[in-house]
Amino acid sequence: MCNAYEQHVKWVEYCKMMQDLELGIPTQQTELDLPQSDMVRINDMAPVMRPAGNGVELAQMNFSFPPGRPKGGPVFNFRSEGRDFSKSLRSLIPASGFFEYVGTKYPKSQYRFSLVGAPFLCIAGLWREAEGNHPASFTMLTTSPGPDIAPYHDRQVVVLKPEDWAAWLYLTKPQSELLRPLPEHSLDVELVRQGAG
């Protein structure tokens, strides 16, 4: 399951996409709010998009909710089926691509997925305020695999089409229309590393 992604979204591409979608950007935000990373992993800090006033702001958060129980692991993926997120803090996770790992032996084969015809993609997410010694944090929503992911994994993160970004943040469409896999050929896939098998 996706526990790593790439964040090479360029600030100029981000601003153009937000302008095209008529989603405002706070005037104080700059490229420093969209730091680049070859690999964002669990418990790394990374930018998350969330509603703010009349626009959408980038906020740095920890990738994964703290464990929900003693000795539990961090919650980096959250199953979406059968749940209502209308009262949740919803977010978008900007990424240039995300990774899946295939195989039974280490190192596993690594595949990179990106959105066809778009400079970057957004993954549907949830976020939480800072609490105690835990910083503000985010997790990715998952669903059953679409045709582009099914050959590689039995689950996938929810990748939203750009025209649905605002719909997820403000829930202007039914959740069932948003939290589902994209149609076939929506995602490009490339083999990054051939594994041991």
C-alpha atoms as a PDB file:
ATOM      1  CA  MET A   1       0.000   0.000   0.000  1.00  0.00           C
ATOM      2  CA  CYS A   2       1.259   3.458  -0.794  1.00  0.00           C
ATOM      3  CA  ASN A   3       3.545   4.614   1.992  1.00  0.00           C
ATOM      4  CA  ALA A   4       5.801   6.829  -0.117  1.00  0.00           C
ATOM      5  CA  TYR A   5       5.336   9.462  -2.771  1.00  0.00           C
ATOM      6  CA  GLU A   6       7.294  12.011  -4.774  1.00  0.00           C
ATOM      7  CA  GLN A   7       6.802  15.757  -4.369  1.00  0.00           C
ATOM      8  CA  HIS A   8       8.351  17.546  -7.339  1.00  0.00           C
ATOM      9  CA  VAL A   9       5.408  19.873  -7.950  1.00  0.00           C
ATOM     10  CA  LYS A  10       6.786  23.162  -9.255  1.00  0.00           C
ATOM     11  CA  TRP A  11       5.400  26.337  -7.695  1.00  0.00           C
ATOM     12  CA  VAL A  12       4.601  27.852 -11.100  1.00  0.00           C
ATOM     13  CA  GLU A  13       2.638  24.705 -12.066  1.00  0.00           C
ATOM     14  CA  TYR A  14       0.825  24.741  -8.743  1.00  0.00           C
ATOM     15  CA  CYS A  15      -0.162  28.413  -9.145  1.00  0.00           C
ATOM     16  CA  LYS A  16      -1.348  27.892 -12.721  1.00  0.00           C
ATOM     17  CA  MET A  17      -3.431  24.850 -11.752  1.00  0.00           C
ATOM     18  CA  MET A  18      -4.999  26.693  -8.824  1.00  0.00           C
ATOM     19  CA  GLN A  19      -5.759  29.667 -11.082  1.00  0.00           C
ATOM     20  CA  ASP A  20      -7.288  27.425 -13.770  1.00  0.00           C
ATOM     21  CA  LEU A  21      -9.477  25.755 -11.117  1.00  0.00           C
ATOM     22  CA  GLU A  22     -10.399  29.129  -9.573  1.00  0.00           C
ATOM     23  CA  LEU A  23      -9.026  28.070  -6.199  1.00  0.00           C
ATOM     24  CA  GLY A  24      -7.432  31.026  -4.443  1.00  0.00           C
ATOM     25  CA  ILE A  25      -3.893  30.977  -3.024  1.00  0.00           C
ATOM     26  CA  PRO A  26      -3.127  33.011   0.122  1.00  0.00           C
ATOM     27  CA  THR A  27      -0.946  35.956  -0.880  1.00  0.00           C
ATOM     28  CA  GLN A  28       1.698  35.179   1.750  1.00  0.00           C
ATOM     29  CA  GLN A  29       2.411  31.715   0.324  1.00  0.00           C
ATOM     30  CA  THR A  30       5.493  31.128  -1.846  1.00  0.00           C
ATOM     31  CA  GLU A  31       7.494  28.271  -3.322  1.00  0.00           C
ATOM     32  CA  LEU A  32       8.918  27.744   0.188  1.00  0.00           C
ATOM     33  CA  ASP A  33       5.502  26.321   1.150  1.00  0.00           C
ATOM     34  CA  LEU A  34       5.887  23.605  -1.497  1.00  0.00           C
ATOM     35  CA  PRO A  35       9.255  21.971  -0.692  1.00  0.00           C
ATOM     36  CA  GLN A  36      10.523  19.326  -3.103  1.00  0.00           C
ATOM     37  CA  SER A  37      11.235  15.744  -2.083  1.00  0.00           C
ATOM     38  CA  ASP A  38      12.307  12.668  -4.068  1.00  0.00           C
ATOM     39  CA  MET A  39      10.573  10.482  -1.477  1.00  0.00           C
ATOM     40  CA  VAL A  40       8.096  11.528   1.223  1.00  0.00           C
ATOM     41  CA  ARG A  41       7.905   8.688   3.727  1.00  0.00           C
ATOM     42  CA  ILE A  42       5.871   7.969   6.860  1.00  0.00           C
ATOM     43  CA  ASN A  43       6.553  10.589   9.573  1.00  0.00           C
ATOM     44  CA  ASP A  44       8.166  13.036   7.124  1.00  0.00           C
ATOM     45  CA  MET A  45       6.861  16.600   7.057  1.00  0.00           C
ATOM     46  CA  ALA A  46       5.215  17.519   3.754  1.00  0.00           C
ATOM     47  CA  PRO A  47       2.799  20.110   2.289  1.00  0.00           C
ATOM     48  CA  VAL A  48      -0.932  19.479   2.436  1.00  0.00           C
ATOM     49  CA  MET A  49      -3.669  21.563   0.787  1.00  0.00           C
ATOM     50  CA  ARG A  50      -6.615  22.580   2.993  1.00  0.00           C
ATOM     51  CA  PRO A  51      -9.380  25.203   2.910  1.00  0.00           C
ATOM     52  CA  ALA A  52      -8.453  28.603   4.339  1.00  0.00           C
ATOM     53  CA  GLY A  53     -10.836  31.556   4.114  1.00  0.00           C
ATOM     54  CA  ASN A  54     -11.711  32.060   0.448  1.00  0.00           C
ATOM     55  CA  GLY A  55      -8.849  29.964  -0.816  1.00  0.00           C
ATOM     56  CA  VAL A  56      -6.729  26.889  -0.325  1.00  0.00           C
ATOM     57  CA  GLU A  57      -3.528  27.050   1.701  1.00  0.00           C
ATOM     58  CA  LEU A  58      -0.501  24.794   1.891  1.00  0.00           C
ATOM     59  CA  ALA A  59       0.318  23.652   5.418  1.00  0.00           C
ATOM     60  CA  GLN A  60       3.288  21.530   6.517  1.00  0.00           C
ATOM     61  CA  MET A  61       2.149  18.383   8.327  1.00  0.00           C
ATOM     62  CA  ASN A  62       3.460  15.007   9.440  1.00  0.00           C
ATOM     63  CA  PHE A  63       2.699  12.137   7.038  1.00  0.00           C
ATOM     64  CA  SER A  64       0.651   9.727   9.214  1.00  0.00           C
ATOM     65  CA  PHE A  65      -1.657  10.061  12.170  1.00  0.00           C
ATOM     66  CA  PRO A  66      -0.225   8.950  15.503  1.00  0.00           C
ATOM     67  CA  PRO A  67      -1.032   5.339  16.492  1.00  0.00           C
ATOM     68  CA  GLY A  68      -4.636   4.900  17.621  1.00  0.00           C
ATOM     69  CA  ARG A  69      -3.708   2.399  20.330  1.00  0.00           C
ATOM     70  CA  PRO A  70      -0.673   1.461  22.422  1.00  0.00           C
ATOM     71  CA  LYS A  71       1.954  -0.370  20.369  1.00  0.00           C
ATOM     72  CA  GLY A  72      -0.034   0.463  17.213  1.00  0.00           C
ATOM     73  CA  GLY A  73       1.653   1.718  14.075  1.00  0.00           C
ATOM     74  CA  PRO A  74       1.273   5.121  12.440  1.00  0.00           C
ATOM     75  CA  VAL A  75      -1.899   5.521  10.354  1.00  0.00           C
ATOM     76  CA  PHE A  76      -0.693   6.543   6.883  1.00  0.00           C
ATOM     77  CA  ASN A  77      -3.557   4.960   4.894  1.00  0.00           C
ATOM     78  CA  PHE A  78      -7.239   5.087   5.877  1.00  0.00           C
ATOM     79  CA  ARG A  79      -9.923   2.916   4.255  1.00  0.00           C
ATOM     80  CA  SER A  80     -12.673   5.063   2.691  1.00  0.00           C
ATOM     81  CA  GLU A  81     -15.403   2.518   1.951  1.00  0.00           C
ATOM     82  CA  GLY A  82     -18.531   2.731   4.104  1.00  0.00           C
ATOM     83  CA  ARG A  83     -17.393   5.854   5.954  1.00  0.00           C
ATOM     84  CA  ASP A  84     -18.774   9.371   6.131  1.00  0.00           C
ATOM     85  CA  PHE A  85     -16.186  12.145   6.055  1.00  0.00           C
ATOM     86  CA  SER A  86     -18.591  15.105   6.114  1.00  0.00           C
ATOM     87  CA  LYS A  87     -17.469  16.070   9.632  1.00  0.00           C
ATOM     88  CA  SER A  88     -13.787  15.275   9.033  1.00  0.00           C
ATOM     89  CA  LEU A  89     -11.004  17.728   8.241  1.00  0.00           C
ATOM     90  CA  ARG A  90     -10.478  16.999   4.540  1.00  0.00           C
ATOM     91  CA  SER A  91      -7.295  17.746   2.618  1.00  0.00           C
ATOM     92  CA  LEU A  92      -5.489  17.216  -0.659  1.00  0.00           C
ATOM     93  CA  ILE A  93      -1.989  15.795  -0.818  1.00  0.00           C
ATOM     94  CA  PRO A  94      -0.110  17.221  -3.828  1.00  0.00           C
ATOM     95  CA  ALA A  95       2.306  14.788  -5.472  1.00  0.00           C
ATOM     96  CA  SER A  96       4.139  14.427  -8.758  1.00  0.00           C
ATOM     97  CA  GLY A  97       3.832  10.664  -8.364  1.00  0.00           C
ATOM     98  CA  PHE A  98       3.298   7.883  -5.857  1.00  0.00           C
ATOM     99  CA  PHE A  99       4.964   4.505  -5.489  1.00  0.00           C
ATOM    100  CA  GLU A 100       3.866   0.910  -5.104  1.00  0.00           C
ATOM    101  CA  TYR A 101       6.153  -2.009  -4.341  1.00  0.00           C
ATOM    102  CA  VAL A 102       5.632  -5.473  -5.834  1.00  0.00           C
ATOM    103  CA  GLY A 103       7.230  -8.791  -4.997  1.00  0.00           C
ATOM    104  CA  THR A 104       7.930 -11.136  -2.122  1.00  0.00           C
ATOM    105  CA  LYS A 105      11.725 -10.726  -1.864  1.00  0.00           C
ATOM    106  CA  TYR A 106      13.701  -7.648  -0.910  1.00  0.00           C
ATOM    107  CA  PRO A 107      14.312  -5.409  -2.713  1.00  0.00           C
ATOM    108  CA  LYS A 108      10.829  -5.363  -4.211  1.00  0.00           C
ATOM    109  CA  SER A 109      10.098  -3.907  -7.628  1.00  0.00           C
ATOM    110  CA  GLN A 110       9.195  -0.220  -7.383  1.00  0.00           C
ATOM    111  CA  TYR A 111       6.580   1.337  -9.667  1.00  0.00           C
ATOM    112  CA  ARG A 112       5.773   5.036 -10.009  1.00  0.00           C
ATOM    113  CA  PHE A 113       2.273   6.242 -10.872  1.00  0.00           C
ATOM    114  CA  SER A 114       1.419   9.714 -12.200  1.00  0.00           C
ATOM    115  CA  LEU A 115      -1.736  11.351 -13.553  1.00  0.00           C
ATOM    116  CA  VAL A 116      -2.069  11.351 -17.351  1.00  0.00           C
ATOM    117  CA  GLY A 117      -2.277  14.831 -18.878  1.00  0.00           C
ATOM    118  CA  ALA A 118      -1.632  16.767 -15.663  1.00  0.00           C
ATOM    119  CA  PRO A 119       1.547  18.283 -14.214  1.00  0.00           C
ATOM    120  CA  PHE A 120       0.743  16.762 -10.818  1.00  0.00           C
ATOM    121  CA  LEU A 121      -1.954  14.876  -8.942  1.00  0.00           C
ATOM    122  CA  CYS A 122      -3.734  15.151  -5.609  1.00  0.00           C
ATOM    123  CA  ILE A 123      -4.571  12.309  -3.250  1.00  0.00           C
ATOM    124  CA  ALA A 124      -7.686  12.607  -1.072  1.00  0.00           C
ATOM    125  CA  GLY A 125      -6.634  12.963   2.536  1.00  0.00           C
ATOM    126  CA  LEU A 126      -7.688  13.760   6.071  1.00  0.00           C
ATOM    127  CA  TRP A 127      -5.784  15.942   8.505  1.00  0.00           C
ATOM    128  CA  ARG A 128      -5.710  16.511  12.244  1.00  0.00           C
ATOM    129  CA  GLU A 129      -4.683  19.450  14.375  1.00  0.00           C
ATOM    130  CA  ALA A 130      -1.514  19.205  16.471  1.00  0.00           C
ATOM    131  CA  GLU A 131      -2.165  17.442  19.765  1.00  0.00           C
ATOM    132  CA  GLY A 132       0.228  17.185  22.708  1.00  0.00           C
ATOM    133  CA  ASN A 133       3.675  16.428  21.321  1.00  0.00           C
ATOM    134  CA  HIS A 134       2.230  15.297  17.955  1.00  0.00           C
ATOM    135  CA  PRO A 135       2.366  17.883  15.153  1.00  0.00           C
ATOM    136  CA  ALA A 136      -0.518  18.465  12.747  1.00  0.00           C
ATOM    137  CA  SER A 137      -0.717  15.316  10.627  1.00  0.00           C
ATOM    138  CA  PHE A 138      -2.344  13.795   7.560  1.00  0.00           C
ATOM    139  CA  THR A 139      -3.281  10.411   6.154  1.00  0.00           C
ATOM    140  CA  MET A 140      -4.251   9.188   2.670  1.00  0.00           C
ATOM    141  CA  LEU A 141      -7.634   7.678   1.871  1.00  0.00           C
ATOM    142  CA  THR A 142      -7.707   4.322   0.092  1.00  0.00           C
ATOM    143  CA  THR A 143     -10.200   2.411  -2.020  1.00  0.00           C
ATOM    144  CA  SER A 144     -10.406  -0.750  -4.118  1.00  0.00           C
ATOM    145  CA  PRO A 145      -7.904  -0.780  -6.978  1.00  0.00           C
ATOM    146  CA  GLY A 146      -8.823   0.605 -10.362  1.00  0.00           C
ATOM    147  CA  PRO A 147      -7.704  -1.031 -13.607  1.00  0.00           C
ATOM    148  CA  ASP A 148      -4.396   0.875 -13.660  1.00  0.00           C
ATOM    149  CA  ILE A 149      -3.405  -0.280 -10.131  1.00  0.00           C
ATOM    150  CA  ALA A 150      -4.976  -3.757  -9.909  1.00  0.00           C
ATOM    151  CA  PRO A 151      -2.049  -5.536 -11.648  1.00  0.00           C
ATOM    152  CA  TYR A 152       0.277  -4.173  -8.936  1.00  0.00           C
ATOM    153  CA  HIS A 153      -1.722  -3.993  -5.694  1.00  0.00           C
ATOM    154  CA  ASP A 154      -5.066  -5.006  -4.143  1.00  0.00           C
ATOM    155  CA  ARG A 155      -5.718  -1.487  -2.745  1.00  0.00           C
ATOM    156  CA  GLN A 156      -4.945   2.027  -3.919  1.00  0.00           C
ATOM    157  CA  VAL A 157      -4.917   5.607  -2.709  1.00  0.00           C
ATOM    158  CA  VAL A 158      -7.794   7.798  -3.913  1.00  0.00           C
ATOM    159  CA  VAL A 159      -6.446   9.968  -6.737  1.00  0.00           C
ATOM    160  CA  LEU A 160      -8.786  12.860  -7.502  1.00  0.00           C
ATOM    161  CA  LYS A 161      -9.166  14.488 -10.911  1.00  0.00           C
ATOM    162  CA  PRO A 162      -8.301  18.220 -10.724  1.00  0.00           C
ATOM    163  CA  GLU A 163     -11.945  19.172 -11.366  1.00  0.00           C
ATOM    164  CA  ASP A 164     -12.842  17.254  -8.182  1.00  0.00           C
ATOM    165  CA  TRP A 165     -10.299  18.870  -5.860  1.00  0.00           C
ATOM    166  CA  ALA A 166     -12.662  21.562  -4.600  1.00  0.00           C
ATOM    167  CA  ALA A 167     -15.524  19.062  -4.478  1.00  0.00           C
ATOM    168  CA  TRP A 168     -13.536  16.972  -1.977  1.00  0.00           C
ATOM    169  CA  LEU A 169     -12.429  19.917   0.156  1.00  0.00           C
ATOM    170  CA  TYR A 170     -15.940  21.407   0.347  1.00  0.00           C
ATOM    171  CA  LEU A 171     -17.971  18.216  -0.290  1.00  0.00           C
ATOM    172  CA  THR A 172     -20.031  19.620  -3.128  1.00  0.00           C
ATOM    173  CA  LYS A 173     -20.421  16.150  -4.690  1.00  0.00           C
ATOM    174  CA  PRO A 174     -21.469  12.849  -3.100  1.00  0.00           C
ATOM    175  CA  GLN A 175     -18.525  11.142  -1.427  1.00  0.00           C
ATOM    176  CA  SER A 176     -19.250   7.948  -3.383  1.00  0.00           C
ATOM    177  CA  GLU A 177     -18.547   9.835  -6.644  1.00  0.00           C
ATOM    178  CA  LEU A 178     -15.197  11.091  -5.362  1.00  0.00           C
ATOM    179  CA  LEU A 179     -13.731   8.252  -3.317  1.00  0.00           C
ATOM    180  CA  ARG A 180     -13.383   5.682  -6.069  1.00  0.00           C
ATOM    181  CA  PRO A 181     -10.718   4.612  -8.558  1.00  0.00           C
ATOM    182  CA  LEU A 182     -10.218   6.532 -11.780  1.00  0.00           C
ATOM    183  CA  PRO A 183     -11.095   4.974 -15.157  1.00  0.00           C
ATOM    184  CA  GLU A 184      -8.567   2.858 -17.048  1.00  0.00           C
ATOM    185  CA  HIS A 185      -5.630   4.737 -18.610  1.00  0.00           C
ATOM    186  CA  SER A 186      -5.926   7.644 -16.134  1.00  0.00           C
ATOM    187  CA  LEU A 187      -2.562   6.838 -14.571  1.00  0.00           C
ATOM    188  CA  ASP A 188       0.831   6.407 -16.204  1.00  0.00           C
ATOM    189  CA  VAL A 189       2.967   3.659 -14.698  1.00  0.00           C
ATOM    190  CA  GLU A 190       6.715   3.229 -14.949  1.00  0.00           C
ATOM    191  CA  LEU A 191       9.094   0.687 -13.456  1.00  0.00           C
ATOM    192  CA  VAL A 192      11.578   2.591 -11.294  1.00  0.00           C
ATOM    193  CA  ARG A 193      13.489  -0.394  -9.917  1.00  0.00           C
ATOM    194  CA  GLN A 194      13.425  -4.076 -10.824  1.00  0.00           C
ATOM    195  CA  GLY A 195      13.200  -6.160  -7.684  1.00  0.00           C
ATOM    196  CA  ALA A 196      14.627  -9.515  -6.669  1.00  0.00           C
ATOM    197  CA  GLY A 197      11.363 -11.335  -7.327  1.00  0.00           C
END
